[in-house]
C-alpha atoms as a PDB file:
ATOM      1  CA  MET A   1      24.022  -2.248  11.075  1.00  0.00           C
ATOM      2  CA  SER A   2      20.931  -1.233   9.077  1.00  0.00           C
ATOM      3  CA  GLY A   3      18.896   1.961   9.534  1.00  0.00           C
ATOM      4  CA  ALA A   4      16.017  -0.186  10.705  1.00  0.00           C
ATOM      5  CA  ALA A   5      18.013  -1.792  13.472  1.00  0.00           C
ATOM      6  CA  ILE A   6      19.359   1.598  14.510  1.00  0.00           C
ATOM      7  CA  ALA A   7      15.892   3.013  14.747  1.00  0.00           C
ATOM      8  CA  TYR A   8      14.738   0.210  17.055  1.00  0.00           C
ATOM      9  CA  MET A   9      17.758   0.724  19.338  1.00  0.00           C
ATOM     10  CA  ILE A  10      17.458   4.442  19.817  1.00  0.00           C
ATOM     11  CA  GLY A  11      13.655   4.357  20.135  1.00  0.00           C
ATOM     12  CA  GLU A  12      12.593   6.366  17.121  1.00  0.00           C
ATOM     13  CA  VAL A  13      10.167   3.784  15.916  1.00  0.00           C
ATOM     14  CA  LYS A  14       7.054   5.063  13.966  1.00  0.00           C
ATOM     15  CA  THR A  15       3.726   3.270  14.102  1.00  0.00           C
ATOM     16  CA  ILE A  16       1.426   2.491  11.167  1.00  0.00           C
ATOM     17  CA  LEU A  17      -2.047   1.151  11.514  1.00  0.00           C
ATOM     18  CA  SER A  18      -2.629  -1.280   8.568  1.00  0.00           C
ATOM     19  CA  ILE A  19      -6.244  -1.997   7.783  1.00  0.00           C
ATOM     20  CA  GLN A  20      -6.175  -4.606   5.125  1.00  0.00           C
ATOM     21  CA  SER A  21      -7.195  -8.265   4.273  1.00  0.00           C
ATOM     22  CA  GLN A  22      -5.854 -11.185   6.197  1.00  0.00           C
ATOM     23  CA  VAL A  23      -5.358 -14.393   4.216  1.00  0.00           C
ATOM     24  CA  ALA A  24      -3.899 -17.308   6.108  1.00  0.00           C
ATOM     25  CA  GLY A  25      -2.476 -19.183   3.213  1.00  0.00           C
ATOM     26  CA  ALA A  26      -1.254 -16.390   1.052  1.00  0.00           C
ATOM     27  CA  ARG A  27       1.236 -13.352   1.096  1.00  0.00           C
ATOM     28  CA  VAL A  28      -1.371 -10.568   0.321  1.00  0.00           C
ATOM     29  CA  GLY A  29      -2.777  -7.756   2.306  1.00  0.00           C
ATOM     30  CA  ASN A  30      -1.530  -7.565   6.027  1.00  0.00           C
ATOM     31  CA  SER A  31       0.416 -10.690   5.455  1.00  0.00           C
ATOM     32  CA  VAL A  32       2.652  -8.746   3.141  1.00  0.00           C
ATOM     33  CA  ALA A  33       2.331  -5.256   4.581  1.00  0.00           C
ATOM     34  CA  ALA A  34       2.953  -5.930   8.182  1.00  0.00           C
ATOM     35  CA  PHE A  35       6.060  -8.176   7.594  1.00  0.00           C
ATOM     36  CA  ALA A  36       7.666  -5.650   5.165  1.00  0.00           C
ATOM     37  CA  MET A  37       6.988  -2.570   7.229  1.00  0.00           C
ATOM     38  CA  GLU A  38       8.279  -4.145  10.446  1.00  0.00           C
ATOM     39  CA  ARG A  39      11.317  -5.290   8.550  1.00  0.00           C
ATOM     40  CA  LEU A  40      12.041  -1.529   7.713  1.00  0.00           C
ATOM     41  CA  GLY A  41      11.843  -0.791  11.491  1.00  0.00           C
ATOM     42  CA  VAL A  42       8.287   0.472  11.610  1.00  0.00           C
ATOM     43  CA  ARG A  43       5.746  -0.755  14.262  1.00  0.00           C
ATOM     44  CA  VAL A  44       2.698  -2.203  12.718  1.00  0.00           C
ATOM     45  CA  ILE A  45      -0.723  -2.553  14.270  1.00  0.00           C
ATOM     46  CA  GLN A  46      -3.033  -4.769  12.072  1.00  0.00           C
ATOM     47  CA  LEU A  47      -6.708  -4.624  11.673  1.00  0.00           C
ATOM     48  CA  PRO A  48      -8.257  -7.213   9.295  1.00  0.00           C
ATOM     49  CA  THR A  49     -11.101  -6.389   6.895  1.00  0.00           C
ATOM     50  CA  VAL A  50     -11.419  -9.950   5.968  1.00  0.00           C
ATOM     51  CA  LEU A  51     -10.339 -13.236   7.366  1.00  0.00           C
ATOM     52  CA  LEU A  52      -9.828 -15.876   4.570  1.00  0.00           C
ATOM     53  CA  GLY A  53      -8.122 -19.225   4.449  1.00  0.00           C
ATOM     54  CA  ARG A  54      -6.830 -18.799   0.872  1.00  0.00           C
ATOM     55  CA  ARG A  55      -6.980 -16.416  -2.053  1.00  0.00           C
ATOM     56  CA  PRO A  56     -10.386 -16.195  -3.748  1.00  0.00           C
ATOM     57  CA  ASP A  57      -8.762 -16.996  -7.280  1.00  0.00           C
ATOM     58  CA  HIS A  58      -7.926 -20.421  -5.911  1.00  0.00           C
ATOM     59  CA  GLY A  59     -11.670 -21.210  -5.207  1.00  0.00           C
ATOM     60  CA  ALA A  60     -13.752 -20.941  -2.084  1.00  0.00           C
ATOM     61  CA  PRO A  61     -11.552 -18.982   0.287  1.00  0.00           C
ATOM     62  CA  GLY A  62     -13.159 -19.913   3.562  1.00  0.00           C
ATOM     63  CA  GLY A  63     -13.882 -17.207   6.277  1.00  0.00           C
ATOM     64  CA  GLY A  64     -15.363 -13.926   5.256  1.00  0.00           C
ATOM     65  CA  PRO A  65     -15.561 -10.225   5.904  1.00  0.00           C
ATOM     66  CA  ILE A  66     -15.218  -8.716   9.357  1.00  0.00           C
ATOM     67  CA  ALA A  67     -18.559  -7.065  10.386  1.00  0.00           C
ATOM     68  CA  ALA A  68     -18.389  -3.382  10.651  1.00  0.00           C
ATOM     69  CA  GLU A  69     -19.488  -3.518  14.268  1.00  0.00           C
ATOM     70  CA  MET A  70     -16.654  -5.868  15.090  1.00  0.00           C
ATOM     71  CA  LEU A  71     -14.151  -3.732  13.329  1.00  0.00           C
ATOM     72  CA  ALA A  72     -15.383  -0.690  15.217  1.00  0.00           C
ATOM     73  CA  SER A  73     -15.025  -2.646  18.578  1.00  0.00           C
ATOM     74  CA  MET A  74     -11.402  -3.384  17.765  1.00  0.00           C
ATOM     75  CA  VAL A  75     -10.763   0.257  17.145  1.00  0.00           C
ATOM     76  CA  ASP A  76     -12.367   1.013  20.559  1.00  0.00           C
ATOM     77  CA  ALA A  77     -10.053  -1.473  22.158  1.00  0.00           C
ATOM     78  CA  LEU A  78      -7.063   0.222  20.633  1.00  0.00           C
ATOM     79  CA  ALA A  79      -8.370   3.587  22.078  1.00  0.00           C
ATOM     80  CA  ALA A  80      -8.947   2.060  25.400  1.00  0.00           C
ATOM     81  CA  ASP A  81      -5.269   1.251  25.425  1.00  0.00           C
ATOM     82  CA  ALA A  82      -4.391   4.712  24.534  1.00  0.00           C
ATOM     83  CA  LEU A  83      -2.738   3.554  21.252  1.00  0.00           C
ATOM     84  CA  LEU A  84      -4.481   5.947  18.705  1.00  0.00           C
ATOM     85  CA  GLY A  85      -2.147   8.808  19.663  1.00  0.00           C
ATOM     86  CA  GLU A  86       0.913   6.699  18.930  1.00  0.00           C
ATOM     87  CA  ILE A  87      -0.146   6.075  15.302  1.00  0.00           C
ATOM     88  CA  ASP A  88       1.749   8.105  12.743  1.00  0.00           C
ATOM     89  CA  ALA A  89      -0.062   6.840   9.680  1.00  0.00           C
ATOM     90  CA  VAL A  90      -3.057   4.727   8.722  1.00  0.00           C
ATOM     91  CA  LEU A  91      -2.709   2.579   5.632  1.00  0.00           C
ATOM     92  CA  THR A  92      -5.899   1.082   4.102  1.00  0.00           C
ATOM     93  CA  GLY A  93      -6.005  -1.717   1.495  1.00  0.00           C
ATOM     94  CA  TYR A  94      -8.669  -4.242   0.537  1.00  0.00           C
ATOM     95  CA  VAL A  95     -12.129  -3.387   2.101  1.00  0.00           C
ATOM     96  CA  GLY A  96     -14.420  -6.294   2.852  1.00  0.00           C
ATOM     97  CA  THR A  97     -17.727  -4.530   2.944  1.00  0.00           C
ATOM     98  CA  ALA A  98     -18.972  -0.971   2.080  1.00  0.00           C
ATOM     99  CA  GLU A  99     -20.133  -0.612   5.696  1.00  0.00           C
ATOM    100  CA  GLN A 100     -16.476  -0.905   6.883  1.00  0.00           C
ATOM    101  CA  VAL A 101     -15.730   2.483   5.251  1.00  0.00           C
ATOM    102  CA  ALA A 102     -17.553   4.560   7.831  1.00  0.00           C
ATOM    103  CA  VAL A 103     -15.705   2.784  10.629  1.00  0.00           C
ATOM    104  CA  ILE A 104     -12.355   3.246   8.905  1.00  0.00           C
ATOM    105  CA  LEU A 105     -13.036   7.070   8.479  1.00  0.00           C
ATOM    106  CA  ASP A 106     -14.157   7.350  12.120  1.00  0.00           C
ATOM    107  CA  ALA A 107     -10.960   5.675  13.173  1.00  0.00           C
ATOM    108  CA  VAL A 108      -8.797   8.009  11.035  1.00  0.00           C
ATOM    109  CA  ALA A 109     -10.611  11.057  12.623  1.00  0.00           C
ATOM    110  CA  ARG A 110     -10.059   9.711  16.081  1.00  0.00           C
ATOM    111  CA  ILE A 111      -6.307   9.089  15.249  1.00  0.00           C
ATOM    112  CA  LYS A 112      -5.857  12.593  13.735  1.00  0.00           C
ATOM    113  CA  ALA A 113      -7.614  14.125  16.865  1.00  0.00           C
ATOM    114  CA  ALA A 114      -5.057  12.264  19.096  1.00  0.00           C
ATOM    115  CA  ASN A 115      -2.091  12.927  16.747  1.00  0.00           C
ATOM    116  CA  PRO A 116      -2.740  15.870  14.273  1.00  0.00           C
ATOM    117  CA  GLN A 117       0.431  14.906  12.435  1.00  0.00           C
ATOM    118  CA  ALA A 118      -0.916  11.386  11.438  1.00  0.00           C
ATOM    119  CA  LEU A 119      -1.349  10.606   7.756  1.00  0.00           C
ATOM    120  CA  PHE A 120      -4.151   8.635   6.030  1.00  0.00           C
ATOM    121  CA  VAL A 121      -2.908   6.709   3.101  1.00  0.00           C
ATOM    122  CA  CYS A 122      -5.504   4.801   0.913  1.00  0.00           C
ATOM    123  CA  ASP A 123      -4.491   2.023  -1.405  1.00  0.00           C
ATOM    124  CA  PRO A 124      -7.799   1.648  -3.340  1.00  0.00           C
ATOM    125  CA  VAL A 125      -7.537  -2.094  -3.869  1.00  0.00           C
ATOM    126  CA  LEU A 126     -10.276  -2.485  -6.430  1.00  0.00           C
ATOM    127  CA  GLY A 127      -8.940  -4.343  -9.395  1.00  0.00           C
ATOM    128  CA  ASP A 128      -6.210  -4.692 -11.942  1.00  0.00           C
ATOM    129  CA  GLU A 129      -5.619  -5.655 -15.643  1.00  0.00           C
ATOM    130  CA  GLY A 130      -8.928  -4.130 -16.742  1.00  0.00           C
ATOM    131  CA  ARG A 131     -11.233  -5.731 -14.255  1.00  0.00           C
ATOM    132  CA  THR A 132     -12.532  -5.075 -10.785  1.00  0.00           C
ATOM    133  CA  TYR A 133     -12.626  -7.718  -8.047  1.00  0.00           C
ATOM    134  CA  VAL A 134     -14.868  -6.082  -5.507  1.00  0.00           C
ATOM    135  CA  SER A 135     -18.585  -5.310  -5.587  1.00  0.00           C
ATOM    136  CA  GLU A 136     -19.897  -2.067  -7.070  1.00  0.00           C
ATOM    137  CA  ALA A 137     -20.973  -0.992  -3.616  1.00  0.00           C
ATOM    138  CA  ILE A 138     -17.382  -1.179  -2.359  1.00  0.00           C
ATOM    139  CA  THR A 139     -16.000   0.467  -5.384  1.00  0.00           C
ATOM    140  CA  ASP A 140     -18.358   3.355  -5.040  1.00  0.00           C
ATOM    141  CA  VAL A 141     -17.688   3.953  -1.423  1.00  0.00           C
ATOM    142  CA  VAL A 142     -13.868   3.502  -1.738  1.00  0.00           C
ATOM    143  CA  LEU A 143     -13.815   6.046  -4.609  1.00  0.00           C
ATOM    144  CA  GLY A 144     -16.373   8.388  -3.116  1.00  0.00           C
ATOM    145  CA  ARG A 145     -15.104   8.427   0.463  1.00  0.00           C
ATOM    146  CA  LEU A 146     -11.803   6.812   1.173  1.00  0.00           C
ATOM    147  CA  CYS A 147     -10.060   8.267  -1.815  1.00  0.00           C
ATOM    148  CA  THR A 148     -11.439  11.736  -1.370  1.00  0.00           C
ATOM    149  CA  GLN A 149     -10.453  11.948   2.290  1.00  0.00           C
ATOM    150  CA  ALA A 150      -6.995  10.242   2.047  1.00  0.00           C
ATOM    151  CA  ASP A 151      -3.854  12.405   2.328  1.00  0.00           C
ATOM    152  CA  TRP A 152      -1.964  10.079  -0.013  1.00  0.00           C
ATOM    153  CA  LEU A 153      -3.134   7.595  -2.573  1.00  0.00           C
ATOM    154  CA  THR A 154      -1.450   4.550  -4.015  1.00  0.00           C
ATOM    155  CA  PRO A 155      -3.452   3.132  -6.824  1.00  0.00           C
ATOM    156  CA  ASN A 156      -2.358   1.034  -9.685  1.00  0.00           C
ATOM    157  CA  LEU A 157      -2.946   2.423 -13.180  1.00  0.00           C
ATOM    158  CA  PHE A 158      -6.190   0.681 -13.585  1.00  0.00           C
ATOM    159  CA  GLU A 159      -7.449   1.978 -10.258  1.00  0.00           C
ATOM    160  CA  LEU A 160      -6.317   5.454 -11.067  1.00  0.00           C
ATOM    161  CA  GLY A 161      -8.531   5.125 -14.206  1.00  0.00           C
ATOM    162  CA  LEU A 162     -11.372   4.270 -12.025  1.00  0.00           C
ATOM    163  CA  MET A 163     -10.613   7.286  -9.839  1.00  0.00           C
ATOM    164  CA  ALA A 164     -10.478   9.572 -12.855  1.00  0.00           C
ATOM    165  CA  GLY A 165     -13.474   8.155 -14.597  1.00  0.00           C
ATOM    166  CA  ARG A 166     -11.668   7.224 -17.758  1.00  0.00           C
ATOM    167  CA  GLN A 167      -9.293   4.476 -19.105  1.00  0.00           C
ATOM    168  CA  LEU A 168      -5.554   5.486 -18.834  1.00  0.00           C
ATOM    169  CA  GLU A 169      -2.715   4.273 -20.842  1.00  0.00           C
ATOM    170  CA  GLY A 170       0.974   5.244 -20.465  1.00  0.00           C
ATOM    171  CA  LEU A 171       2.974   7.724 -18.314  1.00  0.00           C
ATOM    172  CA  ALA A 172       1.648  10.975 -19.738  1.00  0.00           C
ATOM    173  CA  GLN A 173      -2.045  10.094 -19.117  1.00  0.00           C
ATOM    174  CA  ALA A 174      -1.226   8.720 -15.688  1.00  0.00           C
ATOM    175  CA  ARG A 175       0.615  11.908 -14.717  1.00  0.00           C
ATOM    176  CA  ASP A 176      -2.255  14.168 -15.898  1.00  0.00           C
ATOM    177  CA  ALA A 177      -4.822  12.141 -13.962  1.00  0.00           C
ATOM    178  CA  ALA A 178      -2.729  11.782 -10.804  1.00  0.00           C
ATOM    179  CA  LYS A 179      -2.015  15.502 -10.695  1.00  0.00           C
ATOM    180  CA  SER A 180      -5.724  16.409 -10.882  1.00  0.00           C
ATOM    181  CA  PHE A 181      -6.199  15.148  -7.301  1.00  0.00           C
ATOM    182  CA  GLY A 182      -4.000  17.790  -5.720  1.00  0.00           C
ATOM    183  CA  LYS A 183      -2.365  15.324  -3.324  1.00  0.00           C
ATOM    184  CA  PRO A 184       0.619  12.994  -3.449  1.00  0.00           C
ATOM    185  CA  VAL A 185      -0.417   9.883  -5.637  1.00  0.00           C
ATOM    186  CA  LEU A 186       1.808   6.852  -6.125  1.00  0.00           C
ATOM    187  CA  VAL A 187       0.758   5.074  -9.374  1.00  0.00           C
ATOM    188  CA  SER A 188       2.151   1.593  -9.946  1.00  0.00           C
ATOM    189  CA  SER A 189       2.048  -0.786 -13.005  1.00  0.00           C
ATOM    190  CA  ILE A 190       2.577   1.804 -15.828  1.00  0.00           C
ATOM    191  CA  ARG A 191       3.828  -0.039 -18.821  1.00  0.00           C
ATOM    192  CA  THR A 192       6.991   1.379 -20.508  1.00  0.00           C
ATOM    193  CA  ALA A 193       9.435   0.472 -23.202  1.00  0.00           C
ATOM    194  CA  LEU A 194      11.672  -0.963 -20.482  1.00  0.00           C
ATOM    195  CA  GLY A 195       9.209  -2.692 -18.489  1.00  0.00           C
ATOM    196  CA  LEU A 196       6.988  -1.424 -15.652  1.00  0.00           C
ATOM    197  CA  GLY A 197       7.201   1.942 -13.871  1.00  0.00           C
ATOM    198  CA  ASN A 198       5.852   3.696 -10.679  1.00  0.00           C
ATOM    199  CA  LEU A 199       5.009   7.327 -10.790  1.00  0.00           C
ATOM    200  CA  LEU A 200       4.947   9.500  -7.750  1.00  0.00           C
ATOM    201  CA  ALA A 201       2.943  12.707  -8.521  1.00  0.00           C
ATOM    202  CA  ALA A 202       3.304  15.312  -5.722  1.00  0.00           C
ATOM    203  CA  PRO A 203       2.461  18.914  -5.461  1.00  0.00           C
ATOM    204  CA  THR A 204       6.109  19.853  -5.733  1.00  0.00           C
ATOM    205  CA  GLY A 205       6.811  17.743  -8.731  1.00  0.00           C
ATOM    206  CA  ASP A 206       6.854  14.244 -10.225  1.00  0.00           C
ATOM    207  CA  TRP A 207       9.258  11.310  -9.922  1.00  0.00           C
ATOM    208  CA  PHE A 208       9.167   8.239 -12.156  1.00  0.00           C
ATOM    209  CA  CYS A 209      11.052   4.963 -11.437  1.00  0.00           C
ATOM    210  CA  GLU A 210      10.964   1.826 -13.580  1.00  0.00           C
ATOM    211  CA  THR A 211      12.394  -1.742 -13.686  1.00  0.00           C
ATOM    212  CA  ALA A 212      12.634  -4.280 -16.439  1.00  0.00           C
ATOM    213  CA  ARG A 213       9.458  -6.241 -17.320  1.00  0.00           C
ATOM    214  CA  LEU A 214       9.216  -9.677 -15.762  1.00  0.00           C
ATOM    215  CA  PRO A 215       7.046 -12.533 -17.203  1.00  0.00           C
ATOM    216  CA  ARG A 216       4.852 -12.531 -14.231  1.00  0.00           C
ATOM    217  CA  ALA A 217       4.370 -11.323 -10.664  1.00  0.00           C
ATOM    218  CA  PRO A 218       2.911 -13.090  -7.634  1.00  0.00           C
ATOM    219  CA  LYS A 219      -0.167 -11.692  -6.048  1.00  0.00           C
ATOM    220  CA  GLY A 220       0.499  -9.067  -3.365  1.00  0.00           C
ATOM    221  CA  ALA A 221       3.086  -7.006  -5.281  1.00  0.00           C
ATOM    222  CA  GLY A 222       1.028  -4.037  -5.152  1.00  0.00           C
ATOM    223  CA  ASP A 223       0.415  -4.459  -1.362  1.00  0.00           C
ATOM    224  CA  LEU A 224       4.101  -4.817  -0.952  1.00  0.00           C
ATOM    225  CA  LEU A 225       4.963  -1.578  -2.926  1.00  0.00           C
ATOM    226  CA  SER A 226       2.401   0.624  -0.901  1.00  0.00           C
ATOM    227  CA  ALA A 227       3.785  -0.803   2.414  1.00  0.00           C
ATOM    228  CA  LEU A 228       7.312  -0.286   1.637  1.00  0.00           C
ATOM    229  CA  TYR A 229       6.817   3.275   0.296  1.00  0.00           C
ATOM    230  CA  VAL A 230       4.674   4.354   3.201  1.00  0.00           C
ATOM    231  CA  ALA A 231       7.088   2.898   5.698  1.00  0.00           C
ATOM    232  CA  ARG A 232      10.053   4.546   4.090  1.00  0.00           C
ATOM    233  CA  ARG A 233       8.276   7.917   4.122  1.00  0.00           C
ATOM    234  CA  VAL A 234       7.023   7.638   7.599  1.00  0.00           C
ATOM    235  CA  ARG A 235      10.442   6.783   8.910  1.00  0.00           C
ATOM    236  CA  GLY A 236      11.852   9.779   7.171  1.00  0.00           C
ATOM    237  CA  ASP A 237      13.172   8.794   3.756  1.00  0.00           C
ATOM    238  CA  ALA A 238      13.045  11.492   1.137  1.00  0.00           C
ATOM    239  CA  LEU A 239      10.450  11.159  -1.743  1.00  0.00           C
ATOM    240  CA  ALA A 240      12.863   9.887  -4.376  1.00  0.00           C
ATOM    241  CA  ILE A 241      14.603   7.586  -1.929  1.00  0.00           C
ATOM    242  CA  ALA A 242      11.397   6.047  -0.796  1.00  0.00           C
ATOM    243  CA  LEU A 243      10.237   5.529  -4.370  1.00  0.00           C
ATOM    244  CA  GLU A 244      13.525   4.068  -5.518  1.00  0.00           C
ATOM    245  CA  GLY A 245      13.978   1.774  -2.470  1.00  0.00           C
ATOM    246  CA  ALA A 246      10.341   0.466  -2.638  1.00  0.00           C
ATOM    247  CA  THR A 247      10.419  -0.132  -6.416  1.00  0.00           C
ATOM    248  CA  GLY A 248      13.809  -1.926  -6.203  1.00  0.00           C
ATOM    249  CA  ALA A 249      12.710  -4.103  -3.309  1.00  0.00           C
ATOM    250  CA  VAL A 250       9.617  -5.281  -4.952  1.00  0.00           C
ATOM    251  CA  PHE A 251      11.518  -6.085  -8.144  1.00  0.00           C
ATOM    252  CA  ASP A 252      14.011  -7.999  -6.143  1.00  0.00           C
ATOM    253  CA  VAL A 253      11.406 -10.000  -4.167  1.00  0.00           C
ATOM    254  CA  ILE A 254       9.548 -10.931  -7.329  1.00  0.00           C
ATOM    255  CA  VAL A 255      12.750 -12.149  -8.965  1.00  0.00           C
ATOM    256  CA  ARG A 256      13.489 -14.368  -5.937  1.00  0.00           C
ATOM    257  CA  SER A 257       9.979 -15.646  -5.799  1.00  0.00           C
ATOM    258  CA  MET A 258      10.042 -16.522  -9.562  1.00  0.00           C
ATOM    259  CA  ALA A 259      13.325 -18.253  -9.174  1.00  0.00           C
ATOM    260  CA  ALA A 260      11.761 -20.432  -6.614  1.00  0.00           C
ATOM    261  CA  ASP A 261       8.747 -21.064  -8.838  1.00  0.00           C
ATOM    262  CA  SER A 262       6.419 -19.672  -6.042  1.00  0.00           C
ATOM    263  CA  GLU A 263       2.985 -18.349  -6.390  1.00  0.00           C
ATOM    264  CA  ASP A 264       3.405 -16.239  -3.371  1.00  0.00           C
ATOM    265  CA  LEU A 265       5.929 -13.540  -2.520  1.00  0.00           C
ATOM    266  CA  LEU A 266       8.803 -15.143  -0.616  1.00  0.00           C
ATOM    267  CA  LEU A 267       9.148 -12.595   2.041  1.00  0.00           C
ATOM    268  CA  PRO A 268      11.063 -14.439   4.796  1.00  0.00           C
ATOM    269  CA  ALA A 269      13.488 -15.768   2.294  1.00  0.00           C
ATOM    270  CA  ALA A 270      13.841 -12.433   0.611  1.00  0.00           C
ATOM    271  CA  GLN A 271      13.650 -10.156   3.729  1.00  0.00           C
ATOM    272  CA  ASP A 272      17.165  -8.810   3.359  1.00  0.00           C
ATOM    273  CA  VAL A 273      16.268  -6.962   0.198  1.00  0.00           C
ATOM    274  CA  LEU A 274      13.264  -5.242   1.782  1.00  0.00           C
ATOM    275  CA  ASN A 275      15.384  -2.668   3.472  1.00  0.00           C
ATOM    276  CA  ASP A 276      18.572  -2.973   1.359  1.00  0.00           C
ATOM    277  CA  PRO A 277      17.508  -3.874  -2.198  1.00  0.00           C
ATOM    278  CA  VAL A 278      19.990  -5.177  -4.627  1.00  0.00           C
ATOM    279  CA  THR A 279      18.308  -3.450  -7.479  1.00  0.00           C
ATOM    280  CA  TRP A 280      18.271   0.346  -6.956  1.00  0.00           C
ATOM    281  CA  PRO A 281      16.534   2.032  -9.992  1.00  0.00           C
ATOM    282  CA  ARG A 282      17.084   5.695 -10.228  1.00  0.00           C
ATOM    283  CA  ALA A 283      14.051   8.086 -10.305  1.00  0.00           C
ATOM    284  CA  ARG A 284      13.642  10.743 -12.943  1.00  0.00           C
ATOM    285  CA  TYR A 285      12.472  14.041 -11.633  1.00  0.00           C
ATOM    286  CA  THR A 286      10.052  16.246 -13.637  1.00  0.00           C
ATOM    287  CA  GLU A 287       8.973  19.699 -12.374  1.00  0.00           C
ATOM    288  CA  LEU A 288       5.491  20.839 -12.758  1.00  0.00           C
ATOM    289  CA  VAL A 289       4.777  23.053 -15.884  1.00  0.00           C
END
């Protein structure tokens, strides 16, 4: 029996509030995060920042952003049901409007007032491969408010460069930039001689984990990595174990998705590897100097 199943049986289930995009026809945002985290035995409460029919890169997506007032009313409803004190971590991803950020930060403050041990994890979903895919207003408020107030950060290398105010290349530059924030930072999509690596820069030291390069990756892989890492940490996995397990699981899901020639992550078909990945890359530890 898996650790996730045992956790459900003995009642030690942690709760994560996931505030991300909701796309009906694609495995990105909450459609990735909620499934993956619950598969690891973590209870997930979902709040959407946008409701779309399909990914914007496919054309007109339908739907649109959730109004800040509506998002705030949903948080009020959670509070009315006395759920805020049950939340162990808040994970934010894609933001639909700049006005939503004030609502998100107010929700985080209320959750921490109800549960002082709760964590705020920001995945600054702003862009990749050298380009942003949100407005300048959203970029500014995510960098200036969400990132600065988060307890943990989970950017890709391009987003870390936006946070640091300079273009970054390679592990050394990523490590220097991540360490400058003085809080745990999980940096994904660092190119290496082997393939791609994920760096966890923490106040106590740094861990680096890599897998072989694949010809492509379906959209949502970054959302999946953040969700798996946060869920593992919240349920009690050690730093290195959480990094290794999340990195290996993402690799396995991508491989299975590519084998099926799917544009989306095949999470239901590959759900067995989310908690128990076939690939288990070993993380290298580097002490601070």
